[in-house]
Amino acid sequence: MPELHRLTATQLLAGYRAKTFSPRDVASALMEHISQWEPRINALYAYQPEAFLAAAEVSAQRWAKGEPRSALDGVPVTLKELIATKGVPVPAGTGLGEQAVAGDNAPPAARLIEDNALLLAKTTCPDFGMLSSGLSSFHGLTRNPWDLTCNTGGSSSGAGAAAAVGFGPLHVGTDIGGSVRLPAAWCGIVGFKPSLGRIPIDPYYVGRCAGPMTRSVEDAALMMTVLARTDRRDAMRLPPEKIDWQDLALNMPGLRVGVMMEAGCGLPLDEEIREHVEQAAKQLEIAGATLVPLEPVLNREMLDGLDHFWQARQWSELLKLSAAERKRVLPAILEWADGGSRLSGIEVVQGFQQTMAMRRATEAVFDEVDAVVSPTTPNIAFPAEWPSPTNDPRQPFEHIAYTVPWNMGEQPAISLNAGFGCSNMPIGVQLIGPRFADHFLLKLAHQLEMRLALPTRWPSLPLNH
């Protein structure tokens, strides 16, 4: 029998159909795998192995009768802690304030449960989801399985680590400035942020998306068949469409792909990342696309304005806590958000207006090209204990300059592994498509993934840590 934790969702479903193995076998293998890795990486929250195994047994009985009920019956999944699941608290990385259990499943959870996916666990995130780091005052420190001294990124930190190490094939994160794609890049997996509203989410907000985090584009597309179903609780949802998400064929000749190597501000680009992204772009050109050099869409005024708006928004959330509770929030969050208390209303509104400037700049790009290729991150790795790649609470967003414009512009964007640097840490390449062209972008990502043809690599279990 193959190592079941290494199989994609597509491979698991094929095995179930062929009766090579069952959901029960997969659940048992995963629980053993988790017992070895979880003490080292700390990726899971609300892990209930008994309930997981019981659900797998019921699914196994359905498959034995040849009566699976849905597209994901018996496939293990995780959900980011911020995505509510009925009966489980949503601690938002802090565990502070009112901690009532969720009364209902948020839309992504509801869709997966409807399709009989096996909910393995929730996954960790940093305080309020406001760091690109595995650092949390409630969950503790989530580590990168490729190197335990390195950070996962965030805020879908646990999902990135869980996908990289093989805690099941399917994971759901959320992304408001790069929180799916950044950990995907630093953990060497696929992270897809769809067009705003393509996957209904609750609570919804400007730029906030849920998205698949997997080890292949094919599995991300499989998840879209379920996650993209409509839900009226999201007032920003897109109209339902009939899309054959698993059709990933694409005719490349004639496509114009913009190459955006510079972010416009933020951290300088690591030369190893530049080389890998240029190689990825070259593969698209070999496949028939025309490459078009592009200037950055972001500038300092945009990023600083967004920073001011988010500071004020976070400070308003911190004011809901008592003074004693606020002291328990991560110092990096407190030091950054405190700036929001000193901003005027006009400064906050001016900051929010920069989201509209980003929307205008990003949308204009697609007058020239069909898609964009860029780095996902400017840096390869950073220490596990840091709250961000700068380790500076006053400059917490210097690393999101490649990702955040596409949240504010609402375009779909995907990060996939472009290879590994000389430090043996993953490097991400990002593809972006026009608003609503989610299916096209998955097709393009699949073509790039096939042409990169990277050898399969898995993190090695450390002997001691």
Protein backbone atom coordinates (compact mmCIF):
# COMPACT_ATOMS: atom_id res chain seq x y z
CA MET A 1 0.00 0.00 0.00
CA PRO A 2 1.35 3.49 -0.83
CA GLU A 3 2.07 6.04 1.90
CA LEU A 4 -1.48 7.30 2.11
CA HIS A 5 -0.66 10.71 3.56
CA ARG A 6 1.28 11.50 0.38
CA LEU A 7 -1.65 10.97 -1.99
CA THR A 8 -3.60 13.81 -3.55
CA ALA A 9 -7.36 13.98 -3.15
CA THR A 10 -7.74 12.82 -6.75
CA GLN A 11 -5.56 9.79 -6.02
CA LEU A 12 -7.48 9.02 -2.81
CA LEU A 13 -10.80 9.05 -4.66
CA ALA A 14 -9.38 6.76 -7.35
CA GLY A 15 -8.18 4.38 -4.63
CA TYR A 16 -11.58 4.38 -2.97
CA ARG A 17 -13.30 3.60 -6.27
CA ALA A 18 -10.86 0.76 -6.99
CA LYS A 19 -11.20 -0.50 -3.39
CA THR A 20 -7.39 -0.40 -3.07
CA PHE A 21 -7.87 1.26 0.32
CA SER A 22 -10.69 2.91 2.24
CA PRO A 23 -11.30 6.17 4.10
CA ARG A 24 -10.75 4.13 7.28
CA ASP A 25 -7.25 3.16 6.10
CA VAL A 26 -6.48 6.76 5.21
CA ALA A 27 -7.70 8.11 8.55
CA SER A 28 -5.63 5.58 10.49
CA ALA A 29 -2.49 6.37 8.46
CA LEU A 30 -3.02 10.11 8.91
CA MET A 31 -3.43 9.82 12.66
CA GLU A 32 -0.11 7.97 12.90
CA HIS A 33 1.57 10.55 10.66
CA ILE A 34 0.15 13.42 12.72
CA SER A 35 1.37 11.85 15.97
CA GLN A 36 4.93 12.05 14.64
CA TRP A 37 4.81 15.57 13.17
CA GLU A 38 2.29 17.64 15.15
CA PRO A 39 4.42 17.93 18.33
CA ARG A 40 7.13 19.46 16.14
CA ILE A 41 5.12 21.86 13.95
CA ASN A 42 1.99 22.71 16.01
CA ALA A 43 -0.33 23.20 13.03
CA LEU A 44 -3.67 21.97 14.38
CA TYR A 45 -6.47 23.32 16.57
CA ALA A 46 -9.55 21.36 17.72
CA TYR A 47 -8.08 18.09 16.49
CA GLN A 48 -10.54 15.33 17.44
CA PRO A 49 -9.09 12.03 16.23
CA GLU A 50 -11.93 9.87 17.57
CA ALA A 51 -14.61 11.85 15.71
CA PHE A 52 -12.43 11.88 12.60
CA LEU A 53 -11.97 8.11 12.70
CA ALA A 54 -15.70 7.53 13.31
CA ALA A 55 -16.64 9.66 10.29
CA ALA A 56 -14.06 7.79 8.20
CA GLU A 57 -15.64 4.47 9.21
CA VAL A 58 -19.07 5.62 8.04
CA SER A 59 -17.60 6.85 4.75
CA ALA A 60 -15.75 3.55 4.31
CA GLN A 61 -19.06 1.70 4.61
CA ARG A 62 -20.59 3.88 1.89
CA TRP A 63 -17.64 3.24 -0.44
CA ALA A 64 -17.78 -0.51 0.29
CA LYS A 65 -21.37 -0.49 -0.96
CA GLY A 66 -20.40 1.59 -3.98
CA GLU A 67 -22.58 4.43 -2.70
CA PRO A 68 -20.43 7.50 -2.06
CA ARG A 69 -22.65 10.53 -1.59
CA SER A 70 -20.59 13.34 -3.06
CA ALA A 71 -17.44 14.49 -4.81
CA LEU A 72 -15.31 14.59 -1.64
CA ASP A 73 -16.79 11.70 0.35
CA GLY A 74 -14.08 10.39 2.67
CA VAL A 75 -11.37 12.90 1.72
CA PRO A 76 -9.65 14.52 4.73
CA VAL A 77 -9.78 18.33 4.99
CA THR A 78 -8.78 21.03 7.45
CA LEU A 79 -10.24 24.50 7.92
CA LYS A 80 -8.47 27.58 9.20
CA GLU A 81 -9.41 28.42 12.77
CA LEU A 82 -11.07 31.68 11.65
CA ILE A 83 -13.63 29.72 9.58
CA ALA A 84 -16.40 28.88 12.03
CA THR A 85 -17.45 25.28 12.59
CA LYS A 86 -20.54 24.54 14.64
CA GLY A 87 -19.85 23.81 18.30
CA VAL A 88 -16.22 25.00 18.26
CA PRO A 89 -14.98 28.39 19.58
CA VAL A 90 -13.26 30.77 17.16
CA PRO A 91 -10.37 32.14 19.25
CA ALA A 92 -8.98 34.32 16.41
CA GLY A 93 -5.44 33.44 17.43
CA THR A 94 -5.84 35.07 20.85
CA GLY A 95 -8.55 33.25 22.83
CA LEU A 96 -9.53 36.64 24.28
CA GLY A 97 -12.91 38.31 24.63
CA GLU A 98 -16.17 36.41 24.34
CA GLN A 99 -15.42 32.82 23.39
CA ALA A 100 -18.86 31.42 22.68
CA VAL A 101 -18.91 28.34 20.50
CA ALA A 102 -19.93 28.88 16.88
CA GLY A 103 -23.64 28.36 16.38
CA ASP A 104 -23.33 27.38 12.72
CA ASN A 105 -20.84 26.39 10.06
CA ALA A 106 -19.42 29.25 7.98
CA PRO A 107 -20.00 28.78 4.23
CA PRO A 108 -16.71 26.93 3.39
CA ALA A 109 -17.23 24.57 6.32
CA ALA A 110 -20.88 24.01 5.39
CA ARG A 111 -20.00 23.12 1.79
CA LEU A 112 -17.30 20.60 2.76
CA ILE A 113 -19.48 18.97 5.41
CA GLU A 114 -22.37 18.75 2.91
CA ASP A 115 -20.03 16.81 0.62
CA ASN A 116 -18.99 14.38 3.37
CA ALA A 117 -15.37 15.47 3.44
CA LEU A 118 -13.69 14.28 6.64
CA LEU A 119 -12.96 17.27 8.87
CA LEU A 120 -9.62 16.36 10.39
CA ALA A 121 -9.10 19.56 12.43
CA LYS A 122 -8.96 23.31 12.35
CA THR A 123 -5.58 24.94 11.66
CA THR A 124 -3.73 27.63 13.56
CA CYS A 125 -3.44 31.34 12.80
CA PRO A 126 -1.73 34.36 14.44
CA ASP A 127 -3.52 36.95 16.57
CA PHE A 128 -6.56 38.34 14.70
CA GLY A 129 -5.10 36.90 11.47
CA MET A 130 -3.07 40.11 11.27
CA LEU A 131 0.45 38.70 10.93
CA SER A 132 2.12 36.77 8.15
CA SER A 133 3.65 34.50 10.76
CA GLY A 134 3.09 31.28 12.66
CA LEU A 135 3.23 33.21 15.96
CA SER A 136 0.06 33.23 18.09
CA SER A 137 -0.59 34.22 21.69
CA PHE A 138 -3.24 31.45 21.89
CA HIS A 139 -1.96 28.62 19.68
CA GLY A 140 1.75 29.12 20.33
CA LEU A 141 4.32 28.86 17.56
CA THR A 142 3.60 27.01 14.31
CA ARG A 143 6.81 25.97 12.54
CA ASN A 144 7.72 25.32 8.92
CA PRO A 145 8.19 21.57 8.37
CA TRP A 146 10.93 22.17 5.77
CA ASP A 147 13.06 23.71 8.52
CA LEU A 148 11.72 24.00 12.07
CA THR A 149 13.78 27.13 12.67
CA CYS A 150 11.88 28.89 9.86
CA ASN A 151 8.48 30.58 9.73
CA THR A 152 5.43 29.28 7.88
CA GLY A 153 4.18 32.74 7.05
CA GLY A 154 0.52 33.47 7.59
CA SER A 155 -2.03 34.14 8.50
CA SER A 156 -3.05 30.68 7.22
CA SER A 157 0.01 29.38 9.02
CA GLY A 158 -1.27 26.02 10.22
CA ALA A 159 -2.84 25.27 6.85
CA GLY A 160 0.47 25.91 5.09
CA ALA A 161 2.39 23.63 7.46
CA ALA A 162 -0.32 20.94 7.41
CA ALA A 163 -0.44 20.84 3.61
CA ALA A 164 3.35 20.78 3.29
CA VAL A 165 3.79 17.86 5.66
CA GLY A 166 0.80 15.84 4.44
CA PHE A 167 -1.92 16.21 7.09
CA GLY A 168 -4.40 15.26 4.37
CA PRO A 169 -4.57 16.69 0.84
CA LEU A 170 -7.14 19.49 1.20
CA HIS A 171 -6.94 22.62 3.35
CA VAL A 172 -8.84 25.92 3.40
CA GLY A 173 -7.25 29.23 4.37
CA THR A 174 -8.37 32.84 4.23
CA ASP A 175 -6.62 35.75 2.53
CA ILE A 176 -7.02 39.53 2.90
CA GLY A 177 -3.50 40.60 1.91
CA GLY A 178 -1.72 37.38 1.02
CA SER A 179 -2.65 35.03 3.86
CA VAL A 180 -3.21 32.02 1.58
CA ARG A 181 -0.45 32.72 -0.93
CA LEU A 182 2.36 33.78 1.44
CA PRO A 183 2.38 30.57 3.52
CA ALA A 184 1.86 28.62 0.30
CA ALA A 185 5.09 30.11 -1.06
CA TRP A 186 7.11 29.64 2.12
CA CYS A 187 5.76 26.09 2.64
CA GLY A 188 6.11 24.95 -0.99
CA ILE A 189 2.44 24.30 -1.81
CA VAL A 190 -0.39 25.67 -3.98
CA GLY A 191 -2.46 28.52 -2.53
CA PHE A 192 -5.40 29.93 -4.52
CA LYS A 193 -7.10 33.25 -3.69
CA PRO A 194 -10.16 33.47 -5.92
CA SER A 195 -11.99 36.57 -7.10
CA LEU A 196 -13.73 38.27 -4.19
CA GLY A 197 -17.06 36.51 -3.63
CA ARG A 198 -16.28 33.42 -5.71
CA ILE A 199 -16.12 31.35 -2.51
CA PRO A 200 -18.75 32.72 -0.12
CA ILE A 201 -17.33 33.61 3.31
CA ASP A 202 -18.85 34.85 6.56
CA PRO A 203 -17.88 37.29 7.98
CA TYR A 204 -17.11 39.02 4.69
CA TYR A 205 -14.96 42.11 4.34
CA VAL A 206 -13.07 44.23 1.81
CA GLY A 207 -10.58 41.93 0.09
CA ARG A 208 -11.27 38.90 2.33
CA CYS A 209 -11.39 35.56 0.52
CA ALA A 210 -11.30 31.90 1.44
CA GLY A 211 -9.23 29.63 -0.78
CA PRO A 212 -7.80 26.14 -1.28
CA MET A 213 -4.34 25.23 -0.01
CA THR A 214 -3.17 21.96 -1.55
CA ARG A 215 -0.15 20.19 -3.01
CA SER A 216 -1.42 20.35 -6.61
CA VAL A 217 -3.45 22.64 -8.85
CA GLU A 218 -5.68 19.68 -9.68
CA ASP A 219 -6.70 19.34 -6.03
CA ALA A 220 -7.35 23.09 -5.78
CA ALA A 221 -9.68 22.80 -8.78
CA LEU A 222 -11.41 19.81 -7.16
CA MET A 223 -12.06 21.90 -4.05
CA MET A 224 -13.56 24.69 -6.14
CA THR A 225 -16.34 22.35 -7.29
CA VAL A 226 -17.55 22.40 -3.67
CA LEU A 227 -16.39 25.70 -2.17
CA ALA A 228 -17.73 27.89 -5.00
CA ARG A 229 -21.36 26.93 -4.40
CA THR A 230 -23.42 29.97 -3.44
CA ASP A 231 -24.41 31.01 0.09
CA ARG A 232 -26.68 33.97 0.78
CA ARG A 233 -24.91 34.80 4.04
CA ASP A 234 -22.17 36.45 1.97
CA ALA A 235 -23.67 39.67 0.61
CA MET A 236 -20.53 40.11 -1.57
CA ARG A 237 -20.84 36.68 -3.23
CA LEU A 238 -20.72 36.33 -7.00
CA PRO A 239 -23.73 35.03 -8.94
CA PRO A 240 -23.70 31.23 -9.31
CA GLU A 241 -22.04 29.93 -12.48
CA LYS A 242 -21.85 26.49 -14.04
CA ILE A 243 -18.11 25.90 -14.29
CA ASP A 244 -16.37 22.59 -14.97
CA TRP A 245 -13.56 23.35 -12.55
CA GLN A 246 -11.77 20.07 -13.23
CA ASP A 247 -11.35 20.85 -16.92
CA LEU A 248 -7.80 22.23 -16.84
CA ALA A 249 -6.96 22.13 -20.55
CA LEU A 250 -5.69 25.43 -22.00
CA ASN A 251 -4.44 26.54 -25.41
CA MET A 252 -1.38 28.67 -24.60
CA PRO A 253 -0.40 30.18 -27.99
CA GLY A 254 -1.69 33.73 -28.32
CA LEU A 255 -1.82 34.47 -24.59
CA ARG A 256 -0.12 37.64 -23.40
CA VAL A 257 1.43 37.21 -19.95
CA GLY A 258 2.75 40.24 -18.11
CA VAL A 259 5.95 39.80 -16.11
CA MET A 260 5.96 41.98 -12.98
CA MET A 261 9.31 41.41 -11.29
CA GLU A 262 9.33 44.55 -9.13
CA ALA A 263 6.75 45.20 -6.42
CA GLY A 264 7.03 49.00 -6.42
CA CYS A 265 7.83 49.22 -2.69
CA GLY A 266 8.56 46.99 0.26
CA LEU A 267 11.43 44.56 0.74
CA PRO A 268 13.92 44.11 -2.11
CA LEU A 269 13.55 40.95 -4.17
CA ASP A 270 15.89 38.08 -3.36
CA GLU A 271 17.95 37.18 -6.43
CA GLU A 272 17.19 33.46 -6.12
CA ILE A 273 13.49 34.24 -6.28
CA ARG A 274 14.05 36.45 -9.31
CA GLU A 275 15.84 33.61 -11.09
CA HIS A 276 13.11 31.06 -10.33
CA VAL A 277 10.28 33.38 -11.39
CA GLU A 278 12.09 34.26 -14.61
CA GLN A 279 12.50 30.55 -15.31
CA ALA A 280 8.79 30.01 -14.69
CA ALA A 281 7.92 32.85 -17.06
CA LYS A 282 10.24 31.30 -19.65
CA GLN A 283 8.26 28.06 -19.42
CA LEU A 284 5.08 29.95 -20.26
CA GLU A 285 6.85 31.51 -23.24
CA ILE A 286 8.05 28.09 -24.45
CA ALA A 287 4.43 26.92 -24.24
CA GLY A 288 3.41 29.69 -26.65
CA ALA A 289 2.65 32.73 -24.49
CA THR A 290 4.04 36.17 -25.29
CA LEU A 291 5.82 37.77 -22.33
CA VAL A 292 5.20 41.47 -21.69
CA PRO A 293 7.33 43.38 -19.13
CA LEU A 294 5.12 45.26 -16.66
CA GLU A 295 5.71 48.09 -14.21
CA PRO A 296 4.55 47.63 -10.59
CA VAL A 297 0.94 48.38 -9.65
CA LEU A 298 1.76 49.34 -6.06
CA ASN A 299 3.50 52.39 -4.63
CA ARG A 300 4.51 53.66 -1.21
CA GLU A 301 1.45 55.87 -0.81
CA MET A 302 -0.88 52.93 -1.44
CA LEU A 303 0.83 50.58 1.00
CA ASP A 304 1.17 53.20 3.75
CA GLY A 305 -2.46 54.25 3.32
CA LEU A 306 -3.64 50.68 3.67
CA ASP A 307 -1.41 50.31 6.72
CA HIS A 308 -3.11 53.31 8.35
CA PHE A 309 -6.57 51.98 7.59
CA TRP A 310 -5.74 48.53 8.97
CA GLN A 311 -4.14 50.06 12.09
CA ALA A 312 -7.36 51.91 12.87
CA ARG A 313 -9.46 48.84 12.13
CA GLN A 314 -7.32 46.68 14.42
CA TRP A 315 -7.33 49.28 17.18
CA SER A 316 -11.13 49.31 17.08
CA GLU A 317 -11.06 45.52 17.62
CA LEU A 318 -8.60 45.82 20.51
CA LEU A 319 -10.87 48.35 22.22
CA LYS A 320 -13.47 45.58 22.58
CA LEU A 321 -11.11 43.85 25.02
CA SER A 322 -10.47 44.82 28.60
CA ALA A 323 -7.16 46.47 29.45
CA ALA A 324 -6.00 43.23 31.08
CA GLU A 325 -6.92 41.22 27.99
CA ARG A 326 -5.15 43.64 25.65
CA LYS A 327 -1.92 43.03 27.54
CA ARG A 328 -2.10 39.37 26.50
CA VAL A 329 -2.13 40.15 22.76
CA LEU A 330 1.18 39.70 20.97
CA PRO A 331 3.41 42.75 21.58
CA ALA A 332 4.01 43.16 17.82
CA ILE A 333 0.26 43.55 17.24
CA LEU A 334 -0.14 46.00 20.12
CA GLU A 335 2.79 48.16 19.07
CA TRP A 336 1.56 48.32 15.48
CA ALA A 337 -2.16 48.84 16.16
CA ASP A 338 -1.49 51.52 18.77
CA GLY A 339 -0.73 53.85 15.87
CA GLY A 340 -4.40 53.61 14.93
CA SER A 341 -5.37 55.38 18.15
CA ARG A 342 -3.51 58.50 17.00
CA LEU A 343 -4.89 58.71 13.45
CA SER A 344 -7.57 61.24 12.60
CA GLY A 345 -10.77 60.20 10.90
CA ILE A 346 -9.62 61.99 7.76
CA GLU A 347 -6.32 60.05 7.75
CA VAL A 348 -8.19 56.76 8.10
CA VAL A 349 -10.56 57.62 5.24
CA GLN A 350 -7.61 58.68 3.09
CA GLY A 351 -5.98 55.34 3.90
CA PHE A 352 -9.09 53.44 2.86
CA GLN A 353 -9.18 55.38 -0.40
CA GLN A 354 -5.86 53.76 -1.31
CA THR A 355 -7.75 50.46 -1.68
CA MET A 356 -9.66 52.14 -4.51
CA ALA A 357 -6.39 53.36 -6.02
CA MET A 358 -5.12 49.78 -5.98
CA ARG A 359 -8.30 48.57 -7.64
CA ARG A 360 -7.89 51.08 -10.44
CA ALA A 361 -4.20 50.23 -10.96
CA THR A 362 -4.65 46.47 -10.93
CA GLU A 363 -7.64 46.44 -13.25
CA ALA A 364 -5.84 48.61 -15.80
CA VAL A 365 -3.13 45.95 -16.16
CA PHE A 366 -5.54 43.65 -17.98
CA ASP A 367 -6.03 46.14 -20.79
CA GLU A 368 -2.57 44.97 -21.89
CA VAL A 369 -2.29 41.32 -20.87
CA ASP A 370 -4.35 38.20 -20.20
CA ALA A 371 -2.48 37.24 -17.02
CA VAL A 372 0.44 38.30 -14.84
CA VAL A 373 3.36 36.31 -13.43
CA SER A 374 5.31 37.66 -10.44
CA PRO A 375 7.08 36.56 -7.30
CA THR A 376 4.77 35.71 -4.40
CA THR A 377 7.19 36.88 -1.71
CA PRO A 378 10.29 39.07 -1.83
CA ASN A 379 12.23 36.79 0.56
CA ILE A 380 12.75 33.04 0.86
CA ALA A 381 12.57 32.36 4.60
CA PHE A 382 12.72 34.07 7.99
CA PRO A 383 13.05 32.93 11.63
CA ALA A 384 10.13 31.05 13.16
CA GLU A 385 9.88 33.36 16.16
CA TRP A 386 9.53 36.58 14.14
CA PRO A 387 6.12 38.24 13.65
CA SER A 388 7.04 39.20 10.07
CA PRO A 389 10.03 39.08 7.71
CA THR A 390 11.13 42.55 8.90
CA ASN A 391 10.73 41.72 12.62
CA ASP A 392 9.69 45.37 12.93
CA PRO A 393 6.17 46.10 14.27
CA ARG A 394 6.28 49.53 12.66
CA GLN A 395 6.90 48.02 9.20
CA PRO A 396 4.78 44.86 9.22
CA PHE A 397 3.65 44.87 5.57
CA GLU A 398 6.87 45.27 3.59
CA HIS A 399 6.58 41.64 2.42
CA ILE A 400 3.01 41.77 1.04
CA ALA A 401 3.63 44.16 -1.84
CA TYR A 402 3.33 41.38 -4.45
CA THR A 403 0.10 39.95 -3.00
CA VAL A 404 -2.07 42.66 -1.42
CA PRO A 405 -2.90 44.70 -4.58
CA TRP A 406 -4.85 41.75 -5.98
CA ASN A 407 -6.98 41.50 -2.84
CA MET A 408 -7.95 45.14 -3.10
CA GLY A 409 -8.46 44.79 -6.87
CA GLU A 410 -10.45 41.56 -6.32
CA GLN A 411 -8.60 39.58 -9.02
CA PRO A 412 -7.89 35.84 -8.63
CA ALA A 413 -4.28 35.00 -7.78
CA ILE A 414 -2.48 31.73 -7.14
CA SER A 415 0.93 30.81 -5.75
CA LEU A 416 2.66 27.57 -6.65
CA ASN A 417 6.05 26.14 -5.89
CA ALA A 418 8.73 27.25 -8.35
CA GLY A 419 11.49 25.18 -6.72
CA PHE A 420 13.87 25.43 -3.80
CA GLY A 421 16.69 27.84 -3.01
CA CYS A 422 20.22 26.99 -1.99
CA SER A 423 19.01 26.85 1.62
CA ASN A 424 16.58 24.08 0.58
CA MET A 425 13.59 26.29 1.37
CA PRO A 426 10.66 26.69 -1.07
CA ILE A 427 10.24 29.58 -3.50
CA GLY A 428 6.81 30.69 -4.74
CA VAL A 429 5.71 32.03 -8.10
CA GLN A 430 2.41 33.91 -8.40
CA LEU A 431 -0.03 34.04 -11.30
CA ILE A 432 -2.84 36.62 -11.46
CA GLY A 433 -5.83 36.79 -13.77
CA PRO A 434 -8.58 39.34 -14.51
CA ARG A 435 -11.54 39.62 -12.14
CA PHE A 436 -13.86 36.61 -12.37
CA ALA A 437 -11.42 34.62 -14.57
CA ASP A 438 -10.80 32.09 -11.80
CA HIS A 439 -11.19 29.03 -14.01
CA PHE A 440 -8.81 30.41 -16.62
CA LEU A 441 -6.22 31.13 -13.92
CA LEU A 442 -6.39 27.59 -12.56
CA LYS A 443 -5.89 26.31 -16.11
CA LEU A 444 -2.85 28.54 -16.56
CA ALA A 445 -1.43 27.45 -13.21
CA HIS A 446 -1.91 23.81 -14.17
CA GLN A 447 0.00 24.38 -17.40
CA LEU A 448 2.85 26.03 -15.52
CA GLU A 449 2.89 23.28 -12.89
CA MET A 450 3.17 20.61 -15.60
CA ARG A 451 5.94 22.46 -17.42
CA LEU A 452 7.97 23.11 -14.29
CA ALA A 453 7.72 19.35 -13.62
CA LEU A 454 9.38 19.65 -10.22
CA PRO A 455 10.45 16.38 -8.59
CA THR A 456 8.26 15.42 -5.63
CA ARG A 457 9.81 16.42 -2.33
CA TRP A 458 8.61 15.99 1.23
CA PRO A 459 9.90 17.40 4.51
CA SER A 460 12.04 14.95 6.51
CA LEU A 461 11.03 14.15 10.07
CA PRO A 462 13.66 15.77 12.31
CA LEU A 463 15.27 13.43 14.80
CA ASN A 464 15.31 15.96 17.60
CA HIS A 465 13.94 19.44 18.20
